[in-house]
Amino acid sequence: MDSEDQNILISEEEIRERELILKCFQLMRDERSRYEDQAIRLIETAKLETETEGFKLSYRVKENTYFCRINNKNKSGNNYEIEFPIPELEKDKIETLVELFAQSEAERIF
């Protein structure tokens, strides 16, 4: 692979990353109420499962982390895992989960 090919790949990766970040912010804005409700349920029960088109999202509270597994219902598709550290301050826990929910849903879109 020559340097021109590497620049194209980096450029495509950067574009995808920017699109993913933009989608996360849009979801955090547009789905905030739903995410806050989900966050409260996850904190209370230590687990939460949701389904979206083509994906099952499983959230767990583990020792010191919030964990998400994104399972593609298409067996040939990719599965993902995301972990966020649990913040110490109560007021930060909901916001951290809002970010986790947005990122996990954005990941399945891309």
N, C-alpha and C. Protein backbone atom coordinates (compact mmCIF):
# COMPACT_ATOMS: atom_id res chain seq x y z
N MET A 1 0.85 -1.17 0.00
CA MET A 1 0.00 0.00 0.00
C MET A 1 0.89 1.23 0.00
N ASP A 2 0.70 2.11 -0.96
CA ASP A 2 1.53 3.31 -0.99
C ASP A 2 0.91 4.41 -0.13
N SER A 3 1.65 5.51 0.03
CA SER A 3 1.21 6.57 0.94
C SER A 3 -0.08 7.22 0.48
N GLU A 4 -0.33 7.26 -0.83
CA GLU A 4 -1.58 7.83 -1.33
C GLU A 4 -2.77 6.98 -0.88
N ASP A 5 -2.64 5.65 -0.94
CA ASP A 5 -3.70 4.77 -0.48
C ASP A 5 -3.93 4.94 1.02
N GLN A 6 -2.87 5.11 1.79
CA GLN A 6 -3.00 5.31 3.23
C GLN A 6 -3.74 6.60 3.53
N ASN A 7 -3.45 7.66 2.78
CA ASN A 7 -4.14 8.93 2.99
C ASN A 7 -5.63 8.80 2.69
N ILE A 8 -5.98 8.04 1.67
CA ILE A 8 -7.39 7.83 1.35
C ILE A 8 -8.08 7.08 2.48
N LEU A 9 -7.44 6.05 3.01
CA LEU A 9 -8.02 5.28 4.12
C LEU A 9 -8.18 6.15 5.36
N ILE A 10 -7.18 6.90 5.67
CA ILE A 10 -7.25 7.78 6.84
C ILE A 10 -8.38 8.77 6.64
N SER A 11 -8.48 9.30 5.46
CA SER A 11 -9.51 10.27 5.16
C SER A 11 -10.90 9.65 5.32
N GLU A 12 -11.09 8.43 4.83
CA GLU A 12 -12.38 7.75 4.97
C GLU A 12 -12.67 7.43 6.43
N GLU A 13 -11.65 7.04 7.18
CA GLU A 13 -11.82 6.78 8.62
C GLU A 13 -12.20 8.06 9.35
N GLU A 14 -11.54 9.16 9.01
CA GLU A 14 -11.85 10.43 9.64
C GLU A 14 -13.28 10.87 9.33
N ILE A 15 -13.70 10.68 8.11
CA ILE A 15 -15.07 11.04 7.72
C ILE A 15 -16.07 10.21 8.50
N ARG A 16 -15.83 8.90 8.60
CA ARG A 16 -16.73 8.04 9.34
C ARG A 16 -16.79 8.45 10.81
N GLU A 17 -15.62 8.75 11.39
CA GLU A 17 -15.56 9.16 12.79
C GLU A 17 -16.34 10.45 13.01
N ARG A 18 -16.18 11.41 12.13
CA ARG A 18 -16.91 12.68 12.26
C ARG A 18 -18.42 12.46 12.13
N GLU A 19 -18.82 11.61 11.19
CA GLU A 19 -20.24 11.32 11.02
C GLU A 19 -20.80 10.62 12.26
N LEU A 20 -20.03 9.73 12.84
CA LEU A 20 -20.44 9.03 14.05
C LEU A 20 -20.62 10.01 15.21
N ILE A 21 -19.67 10.92 15.38
CA ILE A 21 -19.75 11.91 16.45
C ILE A 21 -20.97 12.82 16.25
N LEU A 22 -21.19 13.25 15.02
CA LEU A 22 -22.34 14.09 14.72
C LEU A 22 -23.64 13.35 15.03
N LYS A 23 -23.72 12.08 14.64
CA LYS A 23 -24.92 11.29 14.91
C LYS A 23 -25.13 11.13 16.41
N CYS A 24 -24.06 10.93 17.17
CA CYS A 24 -24.17 10.82 18.63
C CYS A 24 -24.78 12.10 19.22
N PHE A 25 -24.28 13.25 18.80
CA PHE A 25 -24.81 14.51 19.32
C PHE A 25 -26.28 14.70 18.93
N GLN A 26 -26.63 14.33 17.72
CA GLN A 26 -28.03 14.43 17.30
C GLN A 26 -28.93 13.53 18.14
N LEU A 27 -28.48 12.30 18.37
CA LEU A 27 -29.26 11.38 19.19
C LEU A 27 -29.38 11.88 20.63
N MET A 28 -28.30 12.41 21.18
CA MET A 28 -28.35 12.93 22.55
C MET A 28 -29.36 14.07 22.66
N ARG A 29 -29.48 14.86 21.63
CA ARG A 29 -30.44 15.97 21.63
C ARG A 29 -31.86 15.45 21.40
N ASP A 30 -32.03 14.63 20.36
CA ASP A 30 -33.37 14.22 19.94
C ASP A 30 -33.99 13.14 20.82
N GLU A 31 -33.16 12.30 21.42
CA GLU A 31 -33.66 11.16 22.20
C GLU A 31 -33.39 11.29 23.70
N ARG A 32 -33.05 12.49 24.14
CA ARG A 32 -32.66 12.71 25.54
C ARG A 32 -33.69 12.17 26.53
N SER A 33 -34.95 12.46 26.34
CA SER A 33 -35.97 12.02 27.29
C SER A 33 -36.02 10.50 27.39
N ARG A 34 -36.01 9.83 26.26
CA ARG A 34 -36.02 8.36 26.25
C ARG A 34 -34.75 7.82 26.92
N TYR A 35 -33.60 8.40 26.60
CA TYR A 35 -32.35 7.96 27.20
C TYR A 35 -32.34 8.16 28.71
N GLU A 36 -32.87 9.27 29.18
CA GLU A 36 -32.92 9.51 30.62
C GLU A 36 -33.80 8.47 31.31
N ASP A 37 -34.94 8.14 30.71
CA ASP A 37 -35.81 7.09 31.26
C ASP A 37 -35.08 5.74 31.29
N GLN A 38 -34.39 5.43 30.22
CA GLN A 38 -33.62 4.18 30.16
C GLN A 38 -32.52 4.17 31.21
N ALA A 39 -31.88 5.31 31.41
CA ALA A 39 -30.79 5.41 32.39
C ALA A 39 -31.31 5.10 33.80
N ILE A 40 -32.45 5.64 34.13
CA ILE A 40 -33.03 5.40 35.45
C ILE A 40 -33.33 3.90 35.61
N ARG A 41 -33.91 3.28 34.58
CA ARG A 41 -34.20 1.85 34.65
C ARG A 41 -32.93 1.02 34.78
N LEU A 42 -31.89 1.39 34.03
CA LEU A 42 -30.63 0.65 34.10
C LEU A 42 -29.99 0.78 35.48
N ILE A 43 -30.00 1.96 36.03
CA ILE A 43 -29.43 2.16 37.37
C ILE A 43 -30.21 1.35 38.40
N GLU A 44 -31.53 1.32 38.28
CA GLU A 44 -32.36 0.60 39.25
C GLU A 44 -32.23 -0.92 39.14
N THR A 45 -32.10 -1.44 37.92
CA THR A 45 -32.14 -2.90 37.71
C THR A 45 -30.80 -3.52 37.36
N ALA A 46 -29.81 -2.71 37.03
CA ALA A 46 -28.45 -3.14 36.63
C ALA A 46 -28.42 -3.84 35.28
N LYS A 47 -29.56 -3.88 34.57
CA LYS A 47 -29.55 -4.42 33.21
C LYS A 47 -30.72 -3.84 32.43
N LEU A 48 -30.52 -3.76 31.12
CA LEU A 48 -31.54 -3.22 30.23
C LEU A 48 -31.28 -3.79 28.85
N GLU A 49 -32.33 -4.22 28.20
CA GLU A 49 -32.20 -4.70 26.82
C GLU A 49 -33.20 -3.98 25.95
N THR A 50 -32.73 -3.55 24.79
CA THR A 50 -33.60 -2.92 23.81
C THR A 50 -33.30 -3.54 22.46
N GLU A 51 -34.23 -3.37 21.55
CA GLU A 51 -34.02 -3.85 20.18
C GLU A 51 -34.33 -2.72 19.23
N THR A 52 -33.53 -2.67 18.20
CA THR A 52 -33.76 -1.73 17.11
C THR A 52 -33.70 -2.55 15.83
N GLU A 53 -33.97 -1.91 14.75
CA GLU A 53 -33.98 -2.62 13.48
C GLU A 53 -32.64 -3.31 13.23
N GLY A 54 -32.66 -4.63 13.32
CA GLY A 54 -31.47 -5.41 13.02
C GLY A 54 -30.50 -5.63 14.16
N PHE A 55 -30.75 -5.02 15.33
CA PHE A 55 -29.80 -5.11 16.42
C PHE A 55 -30.48 -5.31 17.77
N LYS A 56 -29.79 -6.03 18.64
CA LYS A 56 -30.19 -6.15 20.05
C LYS A 56 -29.12 -5.46 20.87
N LEU A 57 -29.53 -4.54 21.73
CA LEU A 57 -28.62 -3.78 22.57
C LEU A 57 -28.81 -4.24 24.02
N SER A 58 -27.75 -4.76 24.61
CA SER A 58 -27.80 -5.25 25.99
C SER A 58 -26.88 -4.39 26.84
N TYR A 59 -27.46 -3.77 27.87
CA TYR A 59 -26.71 -2.90 28.77
C TYR A 59 -26.64 -3.56 30.14
N ARG A 60 -25.49 -3.43 30.78
CA ARG A 60 -25.28 -3.99 32.12
C ARG A 60 -24.47 -3.00 32.96
N VAL A 61 -24.74 -3.03 34.24
CA VAL A 61 -23.90 -2.30 35.19
C VAL A 61 -22.95 -3.34 35.76
N LYS A 62 -21.67 -3.15 35.49
CA LYS A 62 -20.64 -4.04 36.02
C LYS A 62 -19.83 -3.25 37.03
N GLU A 63 -18.91 -3.93 37.68
CA GLU A 63 -18.08 -3.25 38.66
C GLU A 63 -17.33 -2.09 38.00
N ASN A 64 -17.67 -0.89 38.40
CA ASN A 64 -17.03 0.35 37.94
C ASN A 64 -17.27 0.72 36.49
N THR A 65 -18.11 -0.04 35.76
CA THR A 65 -18.36 0.31 34.36
C THR A 65 -19.82 0.07 33.98
N TYR A 66 -20.24 0.88 32.99
CA TYR A 66 -21.47 0.60 32.27
C TYR A 66 -21.02 -0.12 31.00
N PHE A 67 -21.70 -1.18 30.65
CA PHE A 67 -21.27 -2.03 29.54
C PHE A 67 -22.42 -2.18 28.55
N CYS A 68 -22.12 -2.12 27.27
CA CYS A 68 -23.12 -2.34 26.23
C CYS A 68 -22.59 -3.35 25.22
N ARG A 69 -23.42 -4.31 24.90
CA ARG A 69 -23.11 -5.25 23.83
C ARG A 69 -24.14 -5.02 22.73
N ILE A 70 -23.66 -4.79 21.52
CA ILE A 70 -24.51 -4.55 20.36
C ILE A 70 -24.42 -5.80 19.49
N ASN A 71 -25.50 -6.57 19.47
CA ASN A 71 -25.52 -7.81 18.70
C ASN A 71 -26.30 -7.60 17.41
N ASN A 72 -25.62 -7.85 16.32
CA ASN A 72 -26.24 -7.77 15.01
C ASN A 72 -27.09 -9.02 14.81
N LYS A 73 -28.37 -8.84 14.49
CA LYS A 73 -29.24 -9.99 14.28
C LYS A 73 -28.85 -10.77 13.03
N ASN A 74 -28.18 -10.08 12.11
CA ASN A 74 -27.65 -10.74 10.93
C ASN A 74 -26.37 -11.46 11.37
N LYS A 75 -26.39 -12.76 11.36
CA LYS A 75 -25.26 -13.55 11.89
C LYS A 75 -23.94 -13.25 11.19
N SER A 76 -23.98 -12.75 9.96
CA SER A 76 -22.74 -12.43 9.26
C SER A 76 -22.27 -11.00 9.55
N GLY A 77 -23.06 -10.23 10.32
CA GLY A 77 -22.70 -8.85 10.64
C GLY A 77 -21.80 -8.75 11.84
N ASN A 78 -21.30 -7.56 12.08
CA ASN A 78 -20.40 -7.30 13.20
C ASN A 78 -21.16 -7.08 14.50
N ASN A 79 -20.56 -7.49 15.60
CA ASN A 79 -21.04 -7.20 16.94
C ASN A 79 -20.05 -6.24 17.58
N TYR A 80 -20.53 -5.42 18.50
CA TYR A 80 -19.68 -4.42 19.14
C TYR A 80 -19.88 -4.46 20.64
N GLU A 81 -18.89 -3.95 21.36
CA GLU A 81 -18.98 -3.76 22.80
C GLU A 81 -18.44 -2.38 23.13
N ILE A 82 -19.11 -1.74 24.08
CA ILE A 82 -18.71 -0.40 24.52
C ILE A 82 -18.73 -0.41 26.05
N GLU A 83 -17.71 0.17 26.67
CA GLU A 83 -17.69 0.31 28.12
C GLU A 83 -17.40 1.76 28.47
N PHE A 84 -18.14 2.26 29.45
CA PHE A 84 -17.93 3.60 29.98
C PHE A 84 -17.69 3.46 31.48
N PRO A 85 -16.71 4.16 32.04
CA PRO A 85 -16.54 4.12 33.49
C PRO A 85 -17.73 4.79 34.18
N ILE A 86 -18.11 4.25 35.33
CA ILE A 86 -19.19 4.85 36.11
C ILE A 86 -18.63 6.04 36.88
N PRO A 87 -19.20 7.21 36.69
CA PRO A 87 -18.69 8.38 37.42
C PRO A 87 -19.05 8.30 38.90
N GLU A 88 -18.30 9.00 39.71
CA GLU A 88 -18.54 9.00 41.15
C GLU A 88 -19.74 9.84 41.53
N LEU A 89 -19.92 10.97 40.89
CA LEU A 89 -21.01 11.88 41.24
C LEU A 89 -22.33 11.40 40.63
N GLU A 90 -23.37 11.38 41.46
CA GLU A 90 -24.68 10.92 41.01
C GLU A 90 -25.18 11.71 39.80
N LYS A 91 -24.98 13.02 39.82
CA LYS A 91 -25.49 13.86 38.72
C LYS A 91 -24.83 13.51 37.38
N ASP A 92 -23.64 12.93 37.42
CA ASP A 92 -22.94 12.59 36.18
C ASP A 92 -23.35 11.21 35.64
N LYS A 93 -23.97 10.39 36.47
CA LYS A 93 -24.32 9.03 36.03
C LYS A 93 -25.34 9.03 34.91
N ILE A 94 -26.39 9.84 35.02
CA ILE A 94 -27.42 9.90 33.98
C ILE A 94 -26.79 10.41 32.68
N GLU A 95 -26.00 11.45 32.77
CA GLU A 95 -25.39 12.02 31.55
C GLU A 95 -24.46 11.02 30.88
N THR A 96 -23.72 10.28 31.67
CA THR A 96 -22.83 9.25 31.11
C THR A 96 -23.64 8.19 30.38
N LEU A 97 -24.77 7.80 30.96
CA LEU A 97 -25.61 6.80 30.29
C LEU A 97 -26.28 7.35 29.04
N VAL A 98 -26.67 8.61 29.06
CA VAL A 98 -27.22 9.24 27.85
C VAL A 98 -26.18 9.15 26.73
N GLU A 99 -24.93 9.43 27.05
CA GLU A 99 -23.85 9.34 26.06
C GLU A 99 -23.65 7.90 25.59
N LEU A 100 -23.71 6.95 26.51
CA LEU A 100 -23.55 5.54 26.14
C LEU A 100 -24.68 5.10 25.22
N PHE A 101 -25.92 5.45 25.53
CA PHE A 101 -27.04 5.06 24.69
C PHE A 101 -26.91 5.67 23.30
N ALA A 102 -26.53 6.93 23.24
CA ALA A 102 -26.37 7.60 21.94
C ALA A 102 -25.25 6.96 21.13
N GLN A 103 -24.13 6.69 21.78
CA GLN A 103 -23.02 6.08 21.05
C GLN A 103 -23.37 4.68 20.57
N SER A 104 -24.02 3.91 21.40
CA SER A 104 -24.36 2.54 20.99
C SER A 104 -25.36 2.53 19.84
N GLU A 105 -26.32 3.45 19.86
CA GLU A 105 -27.26 3.51 18.75
C GLU A 105 -26.61 4.08 17.49
N ALA A 106 -25.70 5.01 17.65
CA ALA A 106 -24.99 5.56 16.49
C ALA A 106 -24.09 4.49 15.87
N GLU A 107 -23.44 3.68 16.69
CA GLU A 107 -22.56 2.61 16.19
C GLU A 107 -23.33 1.65 15.31
N ARG A 108 -24.54 1.31 15.70
CA ARG A 108 -25.29 0.33 14.90
C ARG A 108 -25.75 0.93 13.58
N ILE A 109 -25.87 2.24 13.51
CA ILE A 109 -26.27 2.91 12.26
C ILE A 109 -25.13 2.87 11.26
N PHE A 110 -23.90 3.01 11.77
CA PHE A 110 -22.74 3.04 10.88
C PHE A 110 -22.16 1.67 10.82
